[in-house]
């Protein structure tokens, strides 16, 4: 990656961390729990298939051809994402 682009990415990551800390500090001051994060993945019907889409990036992770299979896959991806988040906290 170009050095100036890397500097920008690093700067934005630092700002994102400060935003997260400031939000947590704000909620601690008013005595309320932090707001729950929304879902990481969703199932979207496109044609004859269901696309499993990552909410933050909008990228399609996989395709399923039945609604029940799509929902099972979304649940599995959500569980995997939660396992990764628990380790970081």
PDB file of N, CA and C in Angstrom:
ATOM      1  N   UNK A   1       0.847  -1.172   0.000  1.00  0.00           N
ATOM      2  CA  UNK A   1       0.000   0.000   0.000  1.00  0.00           C
ATOM      3  C   UNK A   1       0.894   1.238   0.000  1.00  0.00           C
ATOM      4  N   UNK A   2       0.443   2.252  -0.692  1.00  0.00           N
ATOM      5  CA  UNK A   2       1.202   3.500  -0.773  1.00  0.00           C
ATOM      6  C   UNK A   2       1.332   4.111   0.629  1.00  0.00           C
ATOM      7  N   UNK A   3       2.502   4.671   0.954  1.00  0.00           N
ATOM      8  CA  UNK A   3       2.714   5.190   2.318  1.00  0.00           C
ATOM      9  C   UNK A   3       1.684   6.224   2.770  1.00  0.00           C
ATOM     10  N   UNK A   4       1.298   7.149   1.887  1.00  0.00           N
ATOM     11  CA  UNK A   4       0.311   8.150   2.308  1.00  0.00           C
ATOM     12  C   UNK A   4      -1.051   7.518   2.547  1.00  0.00           C
ATOM     13  N   UNK A   5      -1.380   6.502   1.746  1.00  0.00           N
ATOM     14  CA  UNK A   5      -2.649   5.799   1.953  1.00  0.00           C
ATOM     15  C   UNK A   5      -2.618   5.032   3.278  1.00  0.00           C
ATOM     16  N   UNK A   6      -1.473   4.415   3.582  1.00  0.00           N
ATOM     17  CA  UNK A   6      -1.335   3.685   4.846  1.00  0.00           C
ATOM     18  C   UNK A   6      -1.448   4.646   6.027  1.00  0.00           C
ATOM     19  N   UNK A   7      -0.891   5.834   5.917  1.00  0.00           N
ATOM     20  CA  UNK A   7      -1.002   6.823   6.992  1.00  0.00           C
ATOM     21  C   UNK A   7      -2.465   7.204   7.213  1.00  0.00           C
ATOM     22  N   UNK A   8      -3.200   7.367   6.127  1.00  0.00           N
ATOM     23  CA  UNK A   8      -4.620   7.717   6.238  1.00  0.00           C
ATOM     24  C   UNK A   8      -5.406   6.588   6.897  1.00  0.00           C
ATOM     25  N   UNK A   9      -5.137   5.357   6.496  1.00  0.00           N
ATOM     26  CA  UNK A   9      -5.822   4.208   7.092  1.00  0.00           C
ATOM     27  C   UNK A   9      -5.516   4.126   8.582  1.00  0.00           C
ATOM     28  N   UNK A  10      -4.248   4.317   8.949  1.00  0.00           N
ATOM     29  CA  UNK A  10      -3.867   4.281  10.367  1.00  0.00           C
ATOM     30  C   UNK A  10      -4.529   5.407  11.154  1.00  0.00           C
ATOM     31  N   UNK A  11      -4.584   6.597  10.552  1.00  0.00           N
ATOM     32  CA  UNK A  11      -5.236   7.727  11.217  1.00  0.00           C
ATOM     33  C   UNK A  11      -6.721   7.489  11.438  1.00  0.00           C
ATOM     34  N   UNK A  12      -7.391   6.923  10.439  1.00  0.00           N
ATOM     35  CA  UNK A  12      -8.822   6.628  10.587  1.00  0.00           C
ATOM     36  C   UNK A  12      -9.067   5.531  11.619  1.00  0.00           C
ATOM     37  N   UNK A  13      -8.169   4.552  11.685  1.00  0.00           N
ATOM     38  CA  UNK A  13      -8.312   3.497  12.688  1.00  0.00           C
ATOM     39  C   UNK A  13      -8.161   4.080  14.094  1.00  0.00           C
ATOM     40  N   UNK A  14      -7.222   5.009  14.267  1.00  0.00           N
ATOM     41  CA  UNK A  14      -7.038   5.655  15.571  1.00  0.00           C
ATOM     42  C   UNK A  14      -8.271   6.474  15.943  1.00  0.00           C
ATOM     43  N   UNK A  15      -8.843   7.196  14.977  1.00  0.00           N
ATOM     44  CA  UNK A  15     -10.064   7.962  15.245  1.00  0.00           C
ATOM     45  C   UNK A  15     -11.228   7.051  15.598  1.00  0.00           C
ATOM     46  N   UNK A  16     -11.326   5.915  14.932  1.00  0.00           N
ATOM     47  CA  UNK A  16     -12.401   4.965  15.224  1.00  0.00           C
ATOM     48  C   UNK A  16     -12.278   4.440  16.658  1.00  0.00           C
ATOM     49  N   UNK A  17     -11.039   4.132  17.081  1.00  0.00           N
ATOM     50  CA  UNK A  17     -10.818   3.664  18.453  1.00  0.00           C
ATOM     51  C   UNK A  17     -11.197   4.741  19.469  1.00  0.00           C
ATOM     52  N   UNK A  18     -10.841   5.996  19.186  1.00  0.00           N
ATOM     53  CA  UNK A  18     -11.194   7.087  20.096  1.00  0.00           C
ATOM     54  C   UNK A  18     -12.705   7.267  20.174  1.00  0.00           C
ATOM     55  N   UNK A  19     -13.380   7.093  19.042  1.00  0.00           N
ATOM     56  CA  UNK A  19     -14.839   7.203  19.026  1.00  0.00           C
ATOM     57  C   UNK A  19     -15.468   6.125  19.885  1.00  0.00           C
ATOM     58  N   UNK A  20     -14.972   4.914  19.773  1.00  0.00           N
ATOM     59  CA  UNK A  20     -15.506   3.802  20.567  1.00  0.00           C
ATOM     60  C   UNK A  20     -15.293   4.065  22.057  1.00  0.00           C
ATOM     61  N   UNK A  21     -14.088   4.524  22.420  1.00  0.00           N
ATOM     62  CA  UNK A  21     -13.804   4.809  23.830  1.00  0.00           C
ATOM     63  C   UNK A  21     -14.649   5.966  24.356  1.00  0.00           C
ATOM     64  N   UNK A  22     -14.833   7.013  23.541  1.00  0.00           N
ATOM     65  CA  UNK A  22     -15.638   8.156  23.973  1.00  0.00           C
ATOM     66  C   UNK A  22     -17.098   7.758  24.163  1.00  0.00           C
ATOM     67  N   UNK A  23     -17.606   6.914  23.286  1.00  0.00           N
ATOM     68  CA  UNK A  23     -18.987   6.451  23.412  1.00  0.00           C
ATOM     69  C   UNK A  23     -19.160   5.624  24.679  1.00  0.00           C
ATOM     70  N   UNK A  24     -18.218   4.728  24.942  1.00  0.00           N
ATOM     71  CA  UNK A  24     -18.291   3.917  26.159  1.00  0.00           C
ATOM     72  C   UNK A  24     -18.209   4.802  27.404  1.00  0.00           C
ATOM     73  N   UNK A  25     -17.345   5.807  27.369  1.00  0.00           N
ATOM     74  CA  UNK A  25     -17.213   6.736  28.497  1.00  0.00           C
ATOM     75  C   UNK A  25     -18.507   7.513  28.720  1.00  0.00           C
ATOM     76  N   UNK A  26     -19.130   7.949  27.644  1.00  0.00           N
ATOM     77  CA  UNK A  26     -20.394   8.680  27.746  1.00  0.00           C
ATOM     78  C   UNK A  26     -21.465   7.813  28.406  1.00  0.00           C
ATOM     79  N   UNK A  27     -21.622   6.600  27.955  1.00  0.00           N
ATOM     80  CA  UNK A  27     -22.642   5.731  28.535  1.00  0.00           C
ATOM     81  C   UNK A  27     -22.330   5.392  29.989  1.00  0.00           C
ATOM     82  N   UNK A  28     -21.039   5.295  30.337  1.00  0.00           N
ATOM     83  CA  UNK A  28     -20.677   5.041  31.736  1.00  0.00           C
ATOM     84  C   UNK A  28     -21.046   6.243  32.613  1.00  0.00           C
ATOM     85  N   UNK A  29     -20.892   7.458  32.087  1.00  0.00           N
ATOM     86  CA  UNK A  29     -21.212   8.653  32.863  1.00  0.00           C
ATOM     87  C   UNK A  29     -22.706   8.783  33.147  1.00  0.00           C
ATOM     88  N   UNK A  30     -23.537   8.399  32.208  1.00  0.00           N
ATOM     89  CA  UNK A  30     -24.977   8.523  32.433  1.00  0.00           C
ATOM     90  C   UNK A  30     -25.573   7.271  33.067  1.00  0.00           C
ATOM     91  N   UNK A  31     -24.737   6.260  33.308  1.00  0.00           N
ATOM     92  CA  UNK A  31     -25.196   5.073  34.024  1.00  0.00           C
ATOM     93  C   UNK A  31     -26.070   4.140  33.213  1.00  0.00           C
ATOM     94  N   UNK A  32     -25.894   4.127  31.917  1.00  0.00           N
ATOM     95  CA  UNK A  32     -26.677   3.232  31.066  1.00  0.00           C
ATOM     96  C   UNK A  32     -25.738   2.251  30.376  1.00  0.00           C
ATOM     97  N   UNK A  33     -26.236   1.079  30.036  1.00  0.00           N
ATOM     98  CA  UNK A  33     -25.381   0.120  29.319  1.00  0.00           C
ATOM     99  C   UNK A  33     -25.149   0.577  27.877  1.00  0.00           C
ATOM    100  N   UNK A  34     -24.027   0.142  27.319  1.00  0.00           N
ATOM    101  CA  UNK A  34     -23.738   0.458  25.917  1.00  0.00           C
ATOM    102  C   UNK A  34     -24.823  -0.118  25.019  1.00  0.00           C
ATOM    103  N   UNK A  35     -25.139   0.569  23.927  1.00  0.00           N
ATOM    104  CA  UNK A  35     -26.156   0.030  23.019  1.00  0.00           C
ATOM    105  C   UNK A  35     -25.663  -1.260  22.372  1.00  0.00           C
ATOM    106  N   UNK A  36     -26.577  -2.172  22.149  1.00  0.00           N
ATOM    107  CA  UNK A  36     -26.230  -3.443  21.528  1.00  0.00           C
ATOM    108  C   UNK A  36     -25.903  -3.218  20.059  1.00  0.00           C
ATOM    109  N   UNK A  37     -24.915  -3.954  19.601  1.00  0.00           N
ATOM    110  CA  UNK A  37     -24.535  -3.867  18.199  1.00  0.00           C
ATOM    111  C   UNK A  37     -25.551  -4.627  17.356  1.00  0.00           C
ATOM    112  N   UNK A  38     -25.796  -4.155  16.167  1.00  0.00           N
ATOM    113  CA  UNK A  38     -26.748  -4.807  15.271  1.00  0.00           C
ATOM    114  C   UNK A  38     -26.177  -6.089  14.685  1.00  0.00           C
ATOM    115  N   UNK A  39     -26.927  -6.727  13.814  1.00  0.00           N
ATOM    116  CA  UNK A  39     -26.439  -7.975  13.210  1.00  0.00           C
ATOM    117  C   UNK A  39     -25.269  -7.712  12.259  1.00  0.00           C
ATOM    118  N   UNK A  40     -24.409  -8.713  12.127  1.00  0.00           N
ATOM    119  CA  UNK A  40     -23.264  -8.613  11.235  1.00  0.00           C
ATOM    120  C   UNK A  40     -23.616  -9.059   9.816  1.00  0.00           C
ATOM    121  N   UNK A  41     -24.583  -9.955   9.688  1.00  0.00           N
ATOM    122  CA  UNK A  41     -24.942 -10.533   8.396  1.00  0.00           C
ATOM    123  C   UNK A  41     -26.456 -10.502   8.213  1.00  0.00           C
ATOM    124  N   UNK A  42     -26.881 -10.466   6.935  1.00  0.00           N
ATOM    125  CA  UNK A  42     -28.309 -10.544   6.645  1.00  0.00           C
ATOM    126  C   UNK A  42     -28.496 -11.335   5.358  1.00  0.00           C
ATOM    127  N   UNK A  43     -29.691 -11.909   5.214  1.00  0.00           N
ATOM    128  CA  UNK A  43     -30.042 -12.666   4.016  1.00  0.00           C
ATOM    129  C   UNK A  43     -30.892 -11.770   3.122  1.00  0.00           C
ATOM    130  N   UNK A  44     -30.513 -11.667   1.853  1.00  0.00           N
ATOM    131  CA  UNK A  44     -31.203 -10.815   0.897  1.00  0.00           C
ATOM    132  C   UNK A  44     -31.616 -11.668  -0.295  1.00  0.00           C
ATOM    133  N   UNK A  45     -32.904 -11.604  -0.665  1.00  0.00           N
ATOM    134  CA  UNK A  45     -33.394 -12.361  -1.817  1.00  0.00           C
ATOM    135  C   UNK A  45     -33.007 -11.634  -3.100  1.00  0.00           C
ATOM    136  N   UNK A  46     -32.311 -12.340  -3.988  1.00  0.00           N
ATOM    137  CA  UNK A  46     -31.951 -11.804  -5.308  1.00  0.00           C
ATOM    138  C   UNK A  46     -32.185 -12.903  -6.328  1.00  0.00           C
ATOM    139  N   UNK A  47     -33.211 -12.732  -7.125  1.00  0.00           N
ATOM    140  CA  UNK A  47     -33.539 -13.761  -8.112  1.00  0.00           C
ATOM    141  C   UNK A  47     -34.018 -15.020  -7.422  1.00  0.00           C
ATOM    142  N   UNK A  48     -33.451 -16.146  -7.806  1.00  0.00           N
ATOM    143  CA  UNK A  48     -33.830 -17.438  -7.211  1.00  0.00           C
ATOM    144  C   UNK A  48     -32.956 -17.820  -6.032  1.00  0.00           C
ATOM    145  N   UNK A  49     -32.022 -16.967  -5.653  1.00  0.00           N
ATOM    146  CA  UNK A  49     -31.085 -17.300  -4.576  1.00  0.00           C
ATOM    147  C   UNK A  49     -31.187 -16.288  -3.453  1.00  0.00           C
ATOM    148  N   UNK A  50     -30.694 -16.698  -2.301  1.00  0.00           N
ATOM    149  CA  UNK A  50     -30.569 -15.819  -1.150  1.00  0.00           C
ATOM    150  C   UNK A  50     -29.096 -15.508  -0.997  1.00  0.00           C
ATOM    151  N   UNK A  51     -28.747 -14.225  -0.992  1.00  0.00           N
ATOM    152  CA  UNK A  51     -27.371 -13.806  -0.790  1.00  0.00           C
ATOM    153  C   UNK A  51     -27.180 -13.501   0.690  1.00  0.00           C
ATOM    154  N   UNK A  52     -26.112 -14.034   1.264  1.00  0.00           N
ATOM    155  CA  UNK A  52     -25.749 -13.719   2.635  1.00  0.00           C
ATOM    156  C   UNK A  52     -24.769 -12.547   2.554  1.00  0.00           C
ATOM    157  N   UNK A  53     -25.197 -11.377   3.059  1.00  0.00           N
ATOM    158  CA  UNK A  53     -24.451 -10.130   2.884  1.00  0.00           C
ATOM    159  C   UNK A  53     -23.931  -9.657   4.233  1.00  0.00           C
ATOM    160  N   UNK A  54     -22.652  -9.245   4.251  1.00  0.00           N
ATOM    161  CA  UNK A  54     -22.077  -8.642   5.446  1.00  0.00           C
ATOM    162  C   UNK A  54     -22.583  -7.204   5.514  1.00  0.00           C
ATOM    163  N   UNK A  55     -23.176  -6.823   6.644  1.00  0.00           N
ATOM    164  CA  UNK A  55     -23.849  -5.531   6.765  1.00  0.00           C
ATOM    165  C   UNK A  55     -22.861  -4.373   6.655  1.00  0.00           C
ATOM    166  N   UNK A  56     -21.711  -4.448   7.303  1.00  0.00           N
ATOM    167  CA  UNK A  56     -20.765  -3.332   7.327  1.00  0.00           C
ATOM    168  C   UNK A  56     -20.174  -3.030   5.958  1.00  0.00           C
ATOM    169  N   UNK A  57     -19.848  -4.071   5.196  1.00  0.00           N
ATOM    170  CA  UNK A  57     -19.176  -3.857   3.915  1.00  0.00           C
ATOM    171  C   UNK A  57     -20.112  -3.957   2.722  1.00  0.00           C
ATOM    172  N   UNK A  58     -21.230  -4.640   2.875  1.00  0.00           N
ATOM    173  CA  UNK A  58     -22.147  -4.827   1.757  1.00  0.00           C
ATOM    174  C   UNK A  58     -21.713  -5.928   0.807  1.00  0.00           C
ATOM    175  N   UNK A  59     -20.680  -6.680   1.173  1.00  0.00           N
ATOM    176  CA  UNK A  59     -20.173  -7.742   0.308  1.00  0.00           C
ATOM    177  C   UNK A  59     -20.946  -9.035   0.550  1.00  0.00           C
ATOM    178  N   UNK A  60     -21.178  -9.785  -0.523  1.00  0.00           N
ATOM    179  CA  UNK A  60     -21.861 -11.065  -0.438  1.00  0.00           C
ATOM    180  C   UNK A  60     -20.872 -12.128   0.012  1.00  0.00           C
ATOM    181  N   UNK A  61     -21.242 -12.876   1.068  1.00  0.00           N
ATOM    182  CA  UNK A  61     -20.378 -13.939   1.580  1.00  0.00           C
ATOM    183  C   UNK A  61     -20.653 -15.271   0.904  1.00  0.00           C
ATOM    184  N   UNK A  62     -21.931 -15.566   0.633  1.00  0.00           N
ATOM    185  CA  UNK A  62     -22.273 -16.833  -0.010  1.00  0.00           C
ATOM    186  C   UNK A  62     -23.686 -16.750  -0.573  1.00  0.00           C
ATOM    187  N   UNK A  63     -24.106 -17.836  -1.214  1.00  0.00           N
ATOM    188  CA  UNK A  63     -25.437 -17.940  -1.785  1.00  0.00           C
ATOM    189  C   UNK A  63     -26.116 -19.179  -1.222  1.00  0.00           C
ATOM    190  N   UNK A  64     -27.407 -19.105  -1.008  1.00  0.00           N
ATOM    191  CA  UNK A  64     -28.217 -20.264  -0.625  1.00  0.00           C
ATOM    192  C   UNK A  64     -29.457 -20.258  -1.513  1.00  0.00           C
ATOM    193  N   UNK A  65     -30.001 -21.439  -1.755  1.00  0.00           N
ATOM    194  CA  UNK A  65     -31.151 -21.519  -2.648  1.00  0.00           C
ATOM    195  C   UNK A  65     -32.446 -21.845  -1.926  1.00  0.00           C
ATOM    196  N   UNK A  66     -32.409 -21.821  -0.592  1.00  0.00           N
ATOM    197  CA  UNK A  66     -33.646 -21.918   0.181  1.00  0.00           C
ATOM    198  C   UNK A  66     -33.548 -20.965   1.362  1.00  0.00           C
ATOM    199  N   UNK A  67     -34.690 -20.466   1.790  1.00  0.00           N
ATOM    200  CA  UNK A  67     -34.727 -19.503   2.883  1.00  0.00           C
ATOM    201  C   UNK A  67     -34.198 -20.126   4.178  1.00  0.00           C
ATOM    202  N   UNK A  68     -34.607 -21.361   4.457  1.00  0.00           N
ATOM    203  CA  UNK A  68     -34.183 -21.993   5.717  1.00  0.00           C
ATOM    204  C   UNK A  68     -32.676 -22.202   5.748  1.00  0.00           C
ATOM    205  N   UNK A  69     -32.090 -22.578   4.617  1.00  0.00           N
ATOM    206  CA  UNK A  69     -30.635 -22.747   4.573  1.00  0.00           C
ATOM    207  C   UNK A  69     -29.935 -21.407   4.763  1.00  0.00           C
ATOM    208  N   UNK A  70     -30.489 -20.351   4.181  1.00  0.00           N
ATOM    209  CA  UNK A  70     -29.898 -19.020   4.323  1.00  0.00           C
ATOM    210  C   UNK A  70     -29.926 -18.561   5.778  1.00  0.00           C
ATOM    211  N   UNK A  71     -31.038 -18.774   6.445  1.00  0.00           N
ATOM    212  CA  UNK A  71     -31.156 -18.353   7.841  1.00  0.00           C
ATOM    213  C   UNK A  71     -30.221 -19.165   8.735  1.00  0.00           C
ATOM    214  N   UNK A  72     -30.103 -20.458   8.477  1.00  0.00           N
ATOM    215  CA  UNK A  72     -29.167 -21.283   9.253  1.00  0.00           C
ATOM    216  C   UNK A  72     -27.737 -20.787   9.063  1.00  0.00           C
ATOM    217  N   UNK A  73     -27.393 -20.427   7.826  1.00  0.00           N
ATOM    218  CA  UNK A  73     -26.043 -19.949   7.556  1.00  0.00           C
ATOM    219  C   UNK A  73     -25.795 -18.599   8.224  1.00  0.00           C
ATOM    220  N   UNK A  74     -26.781 -17.719   8.191  1.00  0.00           N
ATOM    221  CA  UNK A  74     -26.651 -16.415   8.870  1.00  0.00           C
ATOM    222  C   UNK A  74     -26.449 -16.639  10.363  1.00  0.00           C
ATOM    223  N   UNK A  75     -27.218 -17.548  10.961  1.00  0.00           N
ATOM    224  CA  UNK A  75     -27.060 -17.836  12.385  1.00  0.00           C
ATOM    225  C   UNK A  75     -25.661 -18.371  12.692  1.00  0.00           C
ATOM    226  N   UNK A  76     -25.140 -19.228  11.816  1.00  0.00           N
ATOM    227  CA  UNK A  76     -23.802 -19.775  12.026  1.00  0.00           C
ATOM    228  C   UNK A  76     -22.744 -18.679  11.919  1.00  0.00           C
ATOM    229  N   UNK A  77     -22.870 -17.788  10.949  1.00  0.00           N
ATOM    230  CA  UNK A  77     -21.913 -16.695  10.810  1.00  0.00           C
ATOM    231  C   UNK A  77     -21.987 -15.734  11.994  1.00  0.00           C
ATOM    232  N   UNK A  78     -23.201 -15.457  12.477  1.00  0.00           N
ATOM    233  CA  UNK A  78     -23.363 -14.586  13.646  1.00  0.00           C
ATOM    234  C   UNK A  78     -22.706 -15.211  14.878  1.00  0.00           C
ATOM    235  N   UNK A  79     -22.894 -16.517  15.060  1.00  0.00           N
ATOM    236  CA  UNK A  79     -22.281 -17.194  16.201  1.00  0.00           C
ATOM    237  C   UNK A  79     -20.761 -17.142  16.103  1.00  0.00           C
ATOM    238  N   UNK A  80     -20.229 -17.330  14.905  1.00  0.00           N
ATOM    239  CA  UNK A  80     -18.775 -17.256  14.717  1.00  0.00           C
ATOM    240  C   UNK A  80     -18.268 -15.847  14.996  1.00  0.00           C
ATOM    241  N   UNK A  81     -18.999 -14.831  14.555  1.00  0.00           N
ATOM    242  CA  UNK A  81     -18.596 -13.448  14.804  1.00  0.00           C
ATOM    243  C   UNK A  81     -18.617 -13.154  16.302  1.00  0.00           C
ATOM    244  N   UNK A  82     -19.599 -13.651  17.018  1.00  0.00           N
ATOM    245  CA  UNK A  82     -19.672 -13.415  18.460  1.00  0.00           C
ATOM    246  C   UNK A  82     -18.530 -14.114  19.192  1.00  0.00           C
ATOM    247  N   UNK A  83     -18.145 -15.303  18.730  1.00  0.00           N
ATOM    248  CA  UNK A  83     -17.015 -15.998  19.358  1.00  0.00           C
ATOM    249  C   UNK A  83     -15.743 -15.173  19.188  1.00  0.00           C
ATOM    250  N   UNK A  84     -15.559 -14.550  18.018  1.00  0.00           N
ATOM    251  CA  UNK A  84     -14.381 -13.731  17.793  1.00  0.00           C
ATOM    252  C   UNK A  84     -14.410 -12.464  18.646  1.00  0.00           C
ATOM    253  N   UNK A  85     -15.583 -11.871  18.823  1.00  0.00           N
ATOM    254  CA  UNK A  85     -15.694 -10.646  19.620  1.00  0.00           C
ATOM    255  C   UNK A  85     -15.467 -10.923  21.097  1.00  0.00           C
ATOM    256  N   UNK A  86     -15.893 -12.069  21.574  1.00  0.00           N
ATOM    257  CA  UNK A  86     -15.728 -12.379  23.000  1.00  0.00           C
ATOM    258  C   UNK A  86     -14.262 -12.460  23.352  1.00  0.00           C
ATOM    259  N   UNK A  87     -13.440 -12.998  22.478  1.00  0.00           N
ATOM    260  CA  UNK A  87     -12.008 -13.103  22.732  1.00  0.00           C
ATOM    261  C   UNK A  87     -11.323 -11.755  22.801  1.00  0.00           C
ATOM    262  N   UNK A  88     -11.831 -10.739  22.112  1.00  0.00           N
ATOM    263  CA  UNK A  88     -11.187  -9.422  22.064  1.00  0.00           C
ATOM    264  C   UNK A  88     -11.533  -8.565  23.272  1.00  0.00           C
ATOM    265  N   UNK A  89     -12.613  -8.835  23.935  1.00  0.00           N
ATOM    266  CA  UNK A  89     -13.047  -7.937  25.007  1.00  0.00           C
ATOM    267  C   UNK A  89     -12.337  -8.184  26.282  1.00  0.00           C
TER     268      UNK A  89
END
